[in-house]
N, C-alpha and C. Protein backbone atom coordinates (compact mmCIF):
# COMPACT_ATOMS: atom_id res chain seq x y z
N UNK A 1 -123.22 114.01 -39.17
CA UNK A 1 -123.25 112.76 -39.59
C UNK A 1 -121.95 113.44 -40.75
N UNK A 2 -121.59 112.38 -40.72
CA UNK A 2 -119.61 112.56 -41.90
C UNK A 2 -120.89 111.60 -42.89
N UNK A 3 -120.21 112.71 -44.19
CA UNK A 3 -120.19 112.38 -45.41
C UNK A 3 -119.36 111.10 -46.10
N UNK A 4 -119.13 110.34 -46.94
CA UNK A 4 -118.29 109.42 -47.04
C UNK A 4 -116.94 109.97 -47.49
N UNK A 5 -116.89 111.16 -48.24
CA UNK A 5 -116.00 112.17 -48.70
C UNK A 5 -115.28 112.59 -47.84
N UNK A 6 -115.96 113.10 -46.58
CA UNK A 6 -115.27 113.26 -45.09
C UNK A 6 -114.77 112.64 -43.88
N UNK A 7 -115.17 110.99 -43.85
CA UNK A 7 -114.70 110.35 -42.98
C UNK A 7 -113.08 110.02 -43.14
N UNK A 8 -112.99 110.07 -41.86
CA UNK A 8 -111.53 109.77 -41.71
C UNK A 8 -111.55 108.51 -40.79
N UNK A 9 -110.44 107.45 -41.79
CA UNK A 9 -110.13 106.37 -40.94
C UNK A 9 -108.75 105.84 -40.75
N UNK A 10 -108.78 104.44 -40.20
CA UNK A 10 -107.67 104.06 -39.84
C UNK A 10 -107.64 102.56 -40.09
N UNK A 11 -106.64 101.80 -40.68
CA UNK A 11 -106.66 100.26 -41.25
C UNK A 11 -105.38 100.05 -40.21
N UNK A 12 -105.60 98.93 -40.13
CA UNK A 12 -104.68 97.76 -39.12
C UNK A 12 -105.27 96.08 -39.87
N UNK A 13 -103.72 95.58 -40.37
CA UNK A 13 -102.83 94.24 -40.35
C UNK A 13 -102.60 94.02 -38.76
N UNK A 14 -103.58 93.43 -38.57
CA UNK A 14 -103.41 93.11 -36.88
C UNK A 14 -103.05 94.13 -36.12
N UNK A 15 -102.02 94.33 -35.32
CA UNK A 15 -101.49 95.42 -34.70
C UNK A 15 -100.58 96.52 -35.58
N UNK A 16 -100.64 96.23 -37.05
CA UNK A 16 -99.86 96.87 -37.72
C UNK A 16 -100.31 97.93 -38.46
N UNK A 17 -100.30 99.27 -38.12
CA UNK A 17 -100.90 100.53 -38.70
C UNK A 17 -100.74 100.04 -40.66
N UNK A 18 -101.53 100.22 -41.37
CA UNK A 18 -101.57 100.57 -42.43
C UNK A 18 -101.85 101.81 -43.39
N UNK A 19 -102.77 102.53 -42.67
CA UNK A 19 -102.70 103.99 -43.33
C UNK A 19 -103.56 104.57 -42.32
N UNK A 20 -103.61 105.89 -42.28
CA UNK A 20 -104.59 106.97 -41.47
C UNK A 20 -105.08 108.17 -42.73
N UNK A 21 -106.60 108.21 -42.81
CA UNK A 21 -106.46 109.20 -43.82
C UNK A 21 -108.06 109.18 -44.21
N UNK A 22 -108.37 109.97 -44.91
CA UNK A 22 -109.66 109.80 -45.86
C UNK A 22 -109.93 108.43 -46.10
N UNK A 23 -110.99 108.18 -45.84
CA UNK A 23 -111.58 106.97 -46.50
C UNK A 23 -111.23 106.21 -47.68
N UNK A 24 -111.21 107.03 -49.09
CA UNK A 24 -110.83 106.37 -50.17
C UNK A 24 -109.29 106.17 -50.25
N UNK A 25 -108.68 106.77 -49.28
CA UNK A 25 -107.06 107.00 -49.60
C UNK A 25 -106.67 105.69 -48.69
N UNK A 26 -107.31 105.24 -47.58
CA UNK A 26 -107.10 104.39 -46.73
C UNK A 26 -107.42 102.62 -47.40
N UNK A 27 -108.87 102.89 -47.93
CA UNK A 27 -109.04 101.94 -48.69
C UNK A 27 -107.76 101.33 -49.92
N UNK A 28 -107.81 102.70 -50.43
CA UNK A 28 -106.17 102.32 -51.44
C UNK A 28 -104.98 101.59 -50.72
N UNK A 29 -104.83 102.24 -49.74
CA UNK A 29 -103.38 101.77 -48.92
C UNK A 29 -103.85 100.03 -48.64
N UNK A 30 -104.97 99.70 -48.18
CA UNK A 30 -105.45 98.62 -47.49
C UNK A 30 -105.72 97.46 -48.55
N UNK A 31 -106.13 97.93 -49.68
CA UNK A 31 -106.00 96.84 -50.90
C UNK A 31 -104.63 96.39 -51.38
N UNK A 32 -103.53 97.38 -51.43
CA UNK A 32 -102.43 97.33 -51.85
C UNK A 32 -101.78 96.34 -51.14
N UNK A 33 -101.99 96.96 -49.64
CA UNK A 33 -101.24 95.82 -48.80
C UNK A 33 -101.79 94.32 -48.65
N UNK A 34 -103.38 94.19 -48.97
CA UNK A 34 -103.75 92.68 -48.85
C UNK A 34 -103.03 92.34 -50.49
N UNK A 35 -102.76 92.83 -51.58
CA UNK A 35 -102.47 92.45 -52.61
C UNK A 35 -100.99 92.27 -52.50
N UNK A 36 -100.46 92.29 -51.54
CA UNK A 36 -98.93 92.41 -51.31
C UNK A 36 -98.76 91.45 -50.39
N UNK A 37 -99.84 90.95 -49.69
CA UNK A 37 -99.47 89.63 -49.00
C UNK A 37 -100.45 89.84 -47.57
N UNK A 38 -100.82 90.96 -46.93
CA UNK A 38 -101.17 91.53 -45.77
C UNK A 38 -102.15 90.45 -45.34
N UNK A 39 -102.20 89.45 -44.47
CA UNK A 39 -103.47 88.69 -43.91
C UNK A 39 -104.62 89.50 -43.53
N UNK A 40 -105.37 88.70 -43.98
CA UNK A 40 -106.77 89.49 -43.30
C UNK A 40 -107.27 88.37 -41.75
N UNK A 41 -108.26 89.35 -41.20
CA UNK A 41 -109.01 90.31 -41.30
C UNK A 41 -108.08 91.34 -41.06
N UNK A 42 -108.07 92.58 -42.48
CA UNK A 42 -107.38 93.60 -42.01
C UNK A 42 -108.87 94.62 -41.74
N UNK A 43 -108.39 95.28 -40.74
CA UNK A 43 -109.39 96.32 -39.90
C UNK A 43 -109.74 97.63 -39.85
N UNK A 44 -110.61 97.94 -40.58
CA UNK A 44 -110.68 99.48 -40.51
C UNK A 44 -111.58 100.13 -39.86
N UNK A 45 -110.99 101.54 -39.06
CA UNK A 45 -112.19 101.97 -38.49
C UNK A 45 -112.03 103.56 -38.28
N UNK A 46 -113.40 103.96 -38.20
CA UNK A 46 -113.83 105.44 -38.41
C UNK A 46 -113.35 106.02 -37.19
N UNK A 47 -112.57 107.50 -37.66
CA UNK A 47 -111.71 107.75 -36.59
C UNK A 47 -112.70 108.30 -35.49
N UNK A 48 -113.85 108.67 -36.00
CA UNK A 48 -114.44 109.59 -35.11
C UNK A 48 -115.44 108.39 -33.59
N UNK A 49 -115.40 107.47 -33.87
CA UNK A 49 -116.11 106.63 -33.37
C UNK A 49 -115.69 105.28 -32.97
N UNK A 50 -114.74 104.99 -33.94
CA UNK A 50 -114.04 103.84 -33.45
C UNK A 50 -114.83 102.57 -34.42
N UNK A 51 -115.68 103.24 -35.06
CA UNK A 51 -116.96 101.62 -35.67
C UNK A 51 -115.92 101.24 -36.83
N UNK A 52 -116.25 100.06 -36.85
CA UNK A 52 -115.28 99.22 -37.90
C UNK A 52 -116.20 100.12 -39.27
N UNK A 53 -115.05 99.55 -40.38
CA UNK A 53 -116.04 99.93 -41.55
C UNK A 53 -115.79 98.97 -42.68
N UNK A 54 -116.85 98.10 -42.76
CA UNK A 54 -116.84 97.08 -43.69
C UNK A 54 -116.81 97.48 -44.97
N UNK A 55 -115.67 96.77 -45.56
CA UNK A 55 -115.44 97.21 -47.38
C UNK A 55 -114.97 95.57 -48.06
N UNK A 56 -115.55 95.36 -49.42
CA UNK A 56 -115.52 94.39 -50.02
C UNK A 56 -114.56 94.69 -50.59
N UNK A 57 -112.99 93.58 -50.83
CA UNK A 57 -111.80 94.12 -51.46
C UNK A 57 -111.73 93.41 -52.25
N UNK A 58 -113.09 92.42 -52.94
CA UNK A 58 -112.71 91.61 -54.18
C UNK A 58 -112.58 92.34 -55.34
N UNK A 59 -112.13 91.68 -56.17
CA UNK A 59 -111.90 92.52 -57.36
C UNK A 59 -110.47 93.58 -57.48
N UNK A 60 -110.63 94.35 -58.56
CA UNK A 60 -109.43 95.31 -58.48
C UNK A 60 -109.96 96.47 -57.67
N UNK A 61 -108.88 97.61 -57.58
CA UNK A 61 -108.80 98.77 -56.89
C UNK A 61 -110.11 99.28 -57.29
N UNK A 62 -110.13 99.38 -58.76
CA UNK A 62 -111.34 100.38 -59.23
C UNK A 62 -112.82 99.98 -59.01
N UNK A 63 -112.28 98.64 -59.03
CA UNK A 63 -113.89 97.78 -58.29
C UNK A 63 -114.02 98.59 -56.91
N UNK A 64 -113.09 98.30 -56.31
CA UNK A 64 -113.18 97.96 -54.59
C UNK A 64 -113.61 99.96 -54.54
N UNK A 65 -113.45 100.37 -54.77
CA UNK A 65 -113.18 102.27 -54.45
C UNK A 65 -114.87 102.21 -55.02
N UNK A 66 -114.94 101.93 -56.31
CA UNK A 66 -116.36 101.93 -57.20
C UNK A 66 -117.21 101.62 -56.09
N UNK A 67 -117.16 100.70 -55.52
CA UNK A 67 -118.04 100.03 -53.70
C UNK A 67 -118.53 100.71 -53.08
N UNK A 68 -117.47 101.47 -52.34
CA UNK A 68 -117.28 102.50 -51.43
C UNK A 68 -118.72 103.50 -51.35
N UNK A 69 -119.36 103.66 -50.33
CA UNK A 69 -120.48 104.14 -49.67
C UNK A 69 -120.41 105.86 -50.44
N UNK A 70 -121.00 106.45 -51.02
CA UNK A 70 -120.70 107.70 -51.41
C UNK A 70 -120.29 108.15 -53.10
N UNK A 71 -120.23 106.73 -53.46
CA UNK A 71 -119.67 106.77 -54.97
C UNK A 71 -120.97 107.01 -55.78
N UNK A 72 -121.07 107.49 -56.87
CA UNK A 72 -122.14 107.89 -57.69
C UNK A 72 -122.79 106.28 -57.86
N UNK A 73 -122.09 105.04 -57.88
CA UNK A 73 -122.40 103.80 -58.18
C UNK A 73 -123.59 103.43 -56.43
N UNK A 74 -123.03 103.71 -55.43
CA UNK A 74 -123.89 103.53 -54.81
C UNK A 74 -124.77 104.99 -53.96
N UNK A 75 -124.80 105.47 -54.32
CA UNK A 75 -125.99 106.61 -53.87
C UNK A 75 -127.17 106.05 -54.17
N UNK A 76 -127.87 106.18 -53.09
CA UNK A 76 -129.10 105.90 -53.36
C UNK A 76 -130.57 106.87 -53.52
N UNK A 77 -131.21 107.04 -54.44
CA UNK A 77 -132.05 108.35 -54.54
C UNK A 77 -133.06 107.87 -54.36
N UNK A 78 -133.85 108.95 -53.24
CA UNK A 78 -135.09 108.86 -52.77
C UNK A 78 -135.76 109.91 -52.05
N UNK A 79 -136.89 109.46 -51.37
CA UNK A 79 -137.51 110.87 -51.12
C UNK A 79 -136.34 111.58 -50.47
N UNK A 80 -137.26 113.17 -49.88
CA UNK A 80 -136.45 113.75 -48.92
C UNK A 80 -136.17 115.19 -49.84
N UNK A 81 -135.11 115.69 -49.19
CA UNK A 81 -134.23 116.83 -49.84
C UNK A 81 -132.34 116.74 -49.79
N UNK A 82 -132.20 115.91 -50.84
CA UNK A 82 -130.86 115.74 -51.00
C UNK A 82 -129.96 117.09 -50.98
N UNK A 83 -130.25 117.67 -51.63
CA UNK A 83 -129.14 119.14 -51.95
C UNK A 83 -129.18 119.56 -50.31
N UNK A 84 -130.00 119.48 -49.45
CA UNK A 84 -130.03 120.23 -48.12
C UNK A 84 -129.58 119.56 -47.24
N UNK A 85 -129.11 117.84 -47.75
CA UNK A 85 -128.38 117.03 -46.48
C UNK A 85 -129.48 116.16 -45.65
N UNK A 86 -130.45 116.67 -46.46
CA UNK A 86 -131.69 115.52 -45.42
C UNK A 86 -131.72 114.14 -45.99
N UNK A 87 -131.72 113.62 -44.68
CA UNK A 87 -132.07 111.62 -44.62
C UNK A 87 -133.01 111.12 -44.44
N UNK A 88 -133.80 110.76 -45.23
CA UNK A 88 -134.87 110.26 -44.52
C UNK A 88 -134.89 109.03 -43.44
N UNK A 89 -135.30 108.71 -42.85
CA UNK A 89 -135.54 107.68 -41.64
C UNK A 89 -136.62 107.13 -41.33
N UNK A 90 -137.04 105.77 -41.24
CA UNK A 90 -138.20 105.91 -40.49
C UNK A 90 -138.15 106.10 -39.01
N UNK A 91 -139.29 106.88 -38.78
CA UNK A 91 -139.40 106.85 -36.69
C UNK A 91 -140.56 106.24 -36.50
N UNK A 92 -140.61 105.60 -35.32
CA UNK A 92 -141.63 104.87 -35.05
C UNK A 92 -142.11 105.20 -33.73
N UNK A 93 -143.32 105.96 -33.58
CA UNK A 93 -144.00 106.58 -32.09
C UNK A 93 -145.20 106.15 -32.19
N UNK A 94 -145.41 106.19 -30.73
CA UNK A 94 -147.05 105.82 -30.16
C UNK A 94 -148.23 106.91 -30.97
N UNK A 95 -149.39 106.38 -31.35
CA UNK A 95 -150.54 107.65 -31.85
C UNK A 95 -150.55 108.64 -30.61
N UNK A 96 -150.61 108.92 -29.71
CA UNK A 96 -150.67 109.97 -29.00
C UNK A 96 -149.46 110.91 -29.32
N UNK A 97 -148.48 110.39 -29.83
CA UNK A 97 -147.57 111.02 -30.25
C UNK A 97 -147.30 111.80 -31.85
N UNK A 98 -148.05 111.24 -32.71
CA UNK A 98 -148.22 111.43 -34.00
C UNK A 98 -149.05 112.56 -33.28
N UNK A 99 -150.48 112.16 -32.91
CA UNK A 99 -151.39 113.06 -32.79
C UNK A 99 -151.10 114.76 -32.21
N UNK A 100 -149.69 114.71 -31.07
CA UNK A 100 -149.13 115.65 -30.85
C UNK A 100 -148.53 116.31 -32.20
N UNK A 101 -147.50 115.49 -32.89
CA UNK A 101 -146.63 116.29 -33.85
C UNK A 101 -147.99 117.11 -34.45
N UNK A 102 -148.94 116.31 -34.87
CA UNK A 102 -149.77 117.11 -36.12
C UNK A 102 -150.22 118.25 -35.80
N UNK A 103 -150.35 118.45 -34.65
CA UNK A 103 -150.90 119.95 -34.31
C UNK A 103 -149.49 121.01 -34.32
N UNK A 104 -148.45 120.31 -34.51
CA UNK A 104 -147.38 121.42 -33.94
C UNK A 104 -147.27 122.30 -35.58
N UNK A 105 -146.77 123.19 -35.44
CA UNK A 105 -146.31 124.36 -36.47
C UNK A 105 -145.29 123.48 -37.14
N UNK A 106 -145.43 123.92 -38.74
CA UNK A 106 -144.05 122.92 -39.33
C UNK A 106 -144.52 121.51 -39.54
N UNK A 107 -145.13 120.84 -39.18
CA UNK A 107 -145.22 119.48 -39.31
C UNK A 107 -144.29 118.93 -38.48
N UNK A 108 -144.20 117.40 -38.65
CA UNK A 108 -143.86 116.78 -37.65
C UNK A 108 -142.02 116.84 -38.15
N UNK A 109 -141.85 116.69 -39.06
CA UNK A 109 -140.06 116.80 -39.33
C UNK A 109 -139.59 117.78 -38.82
N UNK A 110 -140.64 119.09 -39.26
CA UNK A 110 -139.42 120.50 -38.52
C UNK A 110 -139.47 120.14 -37.01
N UNK A 111 -140.85 119.64 -36.05
CA UNK A 111 -140.52 119.69 -34.86
C UNK A 111 -139.68 118.81 -34.21
N UNK A 112 -139.22 117.51 -34.93
CA UNK A 112 -138.65 116.86 -34.37
C UNK A 112 -137.40 117.17 -34.69
N UNK A 113 -136.47 118.07 -35.64
CA UNK A 113 -135.34 118.58 -35.68
C UNK A 113 -135.39 119.69 -34.84
N UNK A 114 -136.31 120.18 -34.36
CA UNK A 114 -136.35 121.44 -33.33
C UNK A 114 -135.73 121.14 -32.16
N UNK A 115 -136.56 119.75 -32.16
CA UNK A 115 -136.48 118.88 -30.30
C UNK A 115 -134.74 118.28 -30.46
N UNK A 116 -134.26 117.74 -31.48
CA UNK A 116 -133.38 117.28 -31.69
C UNK A 116 -131.85 118.65 -30.97
N UNK A 117 -132.22 119.83 -32.28
CA UNK A 117 -131.08 120.55 -31.80
C UNK A 117 -131.11 120.83 -30.58
N UNK A 118 -132.21 120.96 -29.92
CA UNK A 118 -132.25 121.64 -28.27
C UNK A 118 -131.94 120.30 -27.65
N UNK A 119 -131.95 119.38 -27.72
CA UNK A 119 -131.46 117.98 -27.17
C UNK A 119 -129.75 118.34 -27.12
N UNK A 120 -129.24 118.53 -28.36
CA UNK A 120 -127.57 118.61 -28.72
C UNK A 120 -127.31 119.88 -28.25
N UNK A 121 -127.79 121.00 -27.62
CA UNK A 121 -127.19 122.08 -27.16
C UNK A 121 -127.10 121.97 -25.88
N UNK A 122 -128.27 121.38 -24.84
CA UNK A 122 -128.81 120.91 -23.88
C UNK A 122 -127.69 119.55 -22.99
N UNK A 123 -127.57 118.66 -23.85
CA UNK A 123 -126.67 117.49 -23.62
C UNK A 123 -125.05 117.19 -24.61
N UNK A 124 -124.74 118.40 -25.15
CA UNK A 124 -124.07 117.83 -26.16
C UNK A 124 -122.57 117.73 -25.28
N UNK A 125 -122.24 118.30 -24.45
CA UNK A 125 -120.91 117.93 -23.84
C UNK A 125 -121.14 116.51 -22.78
N UNK A 126 -122.19 116.48 -22.81
CA UNK A 126 -122.42 114.70 -22.05
C UNK A 126 -122.38 114.08 -22.66
N UNK A 127 -123.06 113.71 -24.09
CA UNK A 127 -122.97 112.71 -25.12
C UNK A 127 -121.70 113.10 -25.87
N UNK A 128 -120.68 114.06 -26.36
CA UNK A 128 -119.35 114.22 -26.65
C UNK A 128 -118.54 112.95 -25.58
N UNK A 129 -118.48 113.14 -24.56
CA UNK A 129 -118.10 112.38 -23.54
C UNK A 129 -118.11 110.84 -23.38
N UNK A 130 -119.34 110.71 -23.48
CA UNK A 130 -120.15 109.14 -23.87
C UNK A 130 -119.56 108.86 -25.31
N UNK A 131 -119.63 109.34 -25.77
CA UNK A 131 -119.59 108.74 -27.17
C UNK A 131 -117.45 108.65 -27.45
N UNK A 132 -117.13 109.59 -26.69
CA UNK A 132 -115.55 109.09 -26.57
C UNK A 132 -115.16 108.14 -25.91
N UNK A 133 -115.77 108.11 -24.97
CA UNK A 133 -115.49 106.66 -23.96
C UNK A 133 -116.00 105.61 -24.88
N UNK A 134 -116.82 105.36 -25.65
CA UNK A 134 -117.51 104.39 -26.28
C UNK A 134 -116.33 104.07 -27.43
N UNK A 135 -115.94 105.15 -27.99
CA UNK A 135 -115.01 105.00 -29.08
C UNK A 135 -113.87 103.93 -28.61
N UNK A 136 -113.23 104.77 -27.18
CA UNK A 136 -111.73 103.93 -27.01
C UNK A 136 -112.38 102.54 -26.46
N UNK A 137 -113.70 102.31 -25.93
CA UNK A 137 -114.02 100.96 -25.93
C UNK A 137 -114.20 100.04 -26.89
N UNK A 138 -114.59 100.36 -27.99
CA UNK A 138 -114.53 99.63 -29.35
C UNK A 138 -113.06 99.55 -29.53
N UNK A 139 -112.18 100.59 -30.08
CA UNK A 139 -110.99 100.12 -30.14
C UNK A 139 -109.67 99.37 -29.69
N UNK A 140 -110.39 99.24 -28.10
CA UNK A 140 -110.13 98.43 -27.22
C UNK A 140 -110.35 96.90 -27.53
N UNK A 141 -111.71 96.64 -27.79
CA UNK A 141 -112.02 95.23 -27.19
C UNK A 141 -111.66 94.95 -28.90
N UNK A 142 -111.38 95.38 -29.49
CA UNK A 142 -111.24 94.75 -31.43
C UNK A 142 -109.21 94.42 -31.38
N UNK A 143 -108.95 95.56 -30.74
CA UNK A 143 -107.16 95.45 -31.20
C UNK A 143 -106.42 95.05 -29.87
N UNK A 144 -106.58 95.54 -28.56
CA UNK A 144 -105.86 95.29 -27.33
C UNK A 144 -106.48 94.02 -26.01
N UNK A 145 -107.83 93.17 -27.03
CA UNK A 145 -108.12 92.29 -25.89
C UNK A 145 -107.25 91.42 -25.52
N UNK A 146 -106.18 90.64 -26.37
CA UNK A 146 -105.42 90.01 -26.24
C UNK A 146 -103.71 90.38 -25.42
N UNK A 147 -103.83 91.70 -25.59
CA UNK A 147 -102.52 92.80 -25.13
C UNK A 147 -102.64 92.20 -23.47
N UNK A 148 -101.13 92.03 -22.80
CA UNK A 148 -101.03 91.96 -21.59
C UNK A 148 -101.90 93.62 -20.73
N UNK A 149 -102.33 93.58 -19.76
CA UNK A 149 -103.05 94.21 -19.12
C UNK A 149 -104.16 95.03 -19.59
N UNK A 150 -104.52 94.57 -20.36
CA UNK A 150 -106.00 95.20 -21.32
C UNK A 150 -107.08 95.43 -20.31
N UNK A 151 -107.33 94.62 -19.43
CA UNK A 151 -108.40 95.34 -17.80
C UNK A 151 -108.26 96.20 -17.42
N UNK A 152 -106.85 96.00 -17.10
CA UNK A 152 -106.26 97.24 -15.85
C UNK A 152 -106.50 98.24 -16.86
N UNK A 153 -105.78 98.67 -17.83
CA UNK A 153 -105.91 99.61 -18.78
C UNK A 153 -107.15 100.26 -19.14
N UNK A 154 -108.12 99.71 -19.06
CA UNK A 154 -108.93 99.81 -19.71
C UNK A 154 -109.93 100.72 -18.11
N UNK A 155 -109.71 99.92 -17.00
CA UNK A 155 -110.06 100.55 -15.95
C UNK A 155 -108.99 102.12 -15.21
N UNK A 156 -108.06 102.10 -15.70
CA UNK A 156 -107.46 103.33 -15.50
C UNK A 156 -107.50 104.45 -16.93
N UNK A 157 -108.32 103.96 -17.88
CA UNK A 157 -108.62 104.98 -19.06
C UNK A 157 -110.00 105.61 -18.03
N UNK A 158 -110.74 104.56 -17.32
CA UNK A 158 -112.16 105.38 -16.89
C UNK A 158 -111.79 105.93 -15.18
N UNK A 159 -110.50 105.62 -14.77
CA UNK A 159 -110.38 106.22 -13.56
C UNK A 159 -109.84 107.91 -13.64
N UNK A 160 -109.54 107.96 -15.06
CA UNK A 160 -108.62 109.13 -16.08
C UNK A 160 -107.28 108.91 -15.03
N UNK A 161 -106.73 108.11 -14.82
CA UNK A 161 -105.28 107.68 -14.58
C UNK A 161 -104.54 107.98 -15.50
N UNK A 162 -103.86 108.93 -16.36
CA UNK A 162 -103.75 108.81 -17.38
C UNK A 162 -101.95 108.38 -16.96
N UNK A 163 -101.24 108.52 -16.39
CA UNK A 163 -99.76 108.04 -15.98
C UNK A 163 -100.17 106.45 -15.72
N UNK A 164 -101.17 106.08 -15.22
CA UNK A 164 -101.42 104.62 -15.21
C UNK A 164 -101.36 103.96 -16.50
N UNK A 165 -102.60 104.43 -17.01
CA UNK A 165 -102.98 104.30 -18.75
C UNK A 165 -101.65 104.23 -19.67
N UNK A 166 -100.82 105.35 -19.63
CA UNK A 166 -99.51 105.17 -20.21
C UNK A 166 -98.98 104.14 -20.01
N UNK A 167 -98.32 104.04 -18.86
CA UNK A 167 -97.54 102.73 -18.34
C UNK A 167 -97.93 101.32 -18.79
N UNK A 168 -99.17 101.18 -18.48
CA UNK A 168 -99.75 99.61 -19.15
C UNK A 168 -99.71 99.56 -20.19
N UNK A 169 -100.01 100.74 -21.22
CA UNK A 169 -100.08 100.42 -22.73
C UNK A 169 -98.25 100.39 -23.51
N UNK A 170 -97.47 100.55 -22.58
CA UNK A 170 -96.03 101.37 -23.02
C UNK A 170 -95.44 99.64 -24.21
N UNK A 171 -95.92 98.31 -23.05
CA UNK A 171 -95.33 97.46 -24.02
C UNK A 171 -95.79 97.02 -25.26
N UNK A 172 -97.21 97.66 -25.45
CA UNK A 172 -98.07 97.27 -26.61
C UNK A 172 -97.45 97.56 -27.96
N UNK A 173 -98.09 97.00 -28.78
CA UNK A 173 -97.40 97.59 -30.11
C UNK A 173 -97.44 98.77 -30.34
N UNK A 174 -96.63 99.53 -30.78
CA UNK A 174 -96.57 101.02 -31.07
C UNK A 174 -97.48 101.34 -31.84
N UNK A 175 -98.35 100.84 -33.02
CA UNK A 175 -99.12 101.35 -33.64
C UNK A 175 -100.75 101.28 -32.91
N UNK A 176 -100.65 100.09 -31.93
CA UNK A 176 -102.01 100.33 -31.56
C UNK A 176 -102.05 101.29 -30.41
N UNK A 177 -101.32 101.23 -29.57
CA UNK A 177 -100.66 102.34 -28.80
C UNK A 177 -101.31 103.44 -28.77
N UNK A 178 -100.15 104.00 -29.83
CA UNK A 178 -100.18 105.43 -30.04
C UNK A 178 -101.33 106.03 -30.83
N UNK A 179 -102.38 104.79 -31.60
CA UNK A 179 -103.80 105.40 -31.80
C UNK A 179 -104.82 105.48 -30.87
N UNK A 180 -104.54 104.20 -29.62
CA UNK A 180 -105.31 104.28 -28.67
C UNK A 180 -105.08 105.61 -27.42
N UNK A 181 -104.16 105.71 -27.51
CA UNK A 181 -103.71 106.96 -26.51
C UNK A 181 -104.54 108.40 -27.28
N UNK A 182 -104.35 108.44 -28.38
CA UNK A 182 -104.94 109.42 -29.56
C UNK A 182 -106.38 110.01 -28.75
N UNK A 183 -106.81 108.60 -28.94
CA UNK A 183 -108.29 108.49 -28.47
C UNK A 183 -108.76 108.94 -27.19
N UNK A 184 -108.04 108.38 -26.46
CA UNK A 184 -107.78 108.38 -24.72
C UNK A 184 -108.05 109.67 -24.45
N UNK A 185 -106.86 110.23 -25.13
CA UNK A 185 -106.72 111.67 -24.66
C UNK A 185 -108.09 112.60 -25.37
N UNK A 186 -108.37 112.19 -26.56
CA UNK A 186 -109.42 112.86 -27.20
C UNK A 186 -111.06 113.09 -25.86
N UNK A 187 -110.83 111.88 -25.19
CA UNK A 187 -111.81 111.44 -24.57
C UNK A 187 -111.49 112.08 -23.07
N UNK A 188 -110.59 112.34 -22.65
CA UNK A 188 -109.99 113.14 -21.38
C UNK A 188 -110.16 114.50 -21.80
N UNK A 189 -109.96 114.94 -22.68
CA UNK A 189 -109.91 116.10 -22.83
C UNK A 189 -111.54 116.76 -22.99
N UNK A 190 -112.04 115.94 -23.60
CA UNK A 190 -113.67 116.24 -23.55
C UNK A 190 -114.61 115.85 -22.45
N UNK A 191 -113.85 115.26 -21.44
CA UNK A 191 -114.54 115.15 -19.74
C UNK A 191 -113.99 116.63 -19.30
N UNK A 192 -112.75 116.99 -19.41
CA UNK A 192 -112.23 118.09 -18.78
C UNK A 192 -113.24 119.58 -19.35
N UNK A 193 -113.47 119.64 -20.24
CA UNK A 193 -114.58 120.53 -20.72
C UNK A 193 -115.98 120.52 -20.37
N UNK A 194 -116.38 119.26 -19.94
CA UNK A 194 -117.74 118.85 -19.67
C UNK A 194 -117.97 119.97 -18.37
């Protein structure tokens, strides 16, 4: 899991790239662009998974940055071991699952961590491919749905038809096209190493 300080992202004003890099730097550039007349909605995408990052741009730049996740004003303190990076969350299991976990050495949390680590080792490559494909999908749905040949480009991506994908996306706005091609190349690279 990325911490807000390590999140890299990319902001777009419609089809125009505003900034790309660490979250705080991108938010700073986006706020300046909005104050200079860029129209909303201005979209910020996490570079890892293309999920949109919601930012409250009301107020001054200092106020906007103070509201970002991970700043001292927004860090919630609670149970867990924050120095180790442990994040508490709720887990819902059936009673028989809780009974089984109770009988395991190290407690429920230790057993769940071991199971997750084993699954990550066993299915890591397959999961990376799926996540990379979902990232391409999210970005395309958000920014290319109204562009010519959107559906054909999506099909070409899933068929691993790189040249066709490049040809179909060539007439698209350069910033969107280039970002999408980087996402697609990463997904194809993950598929090749699977």
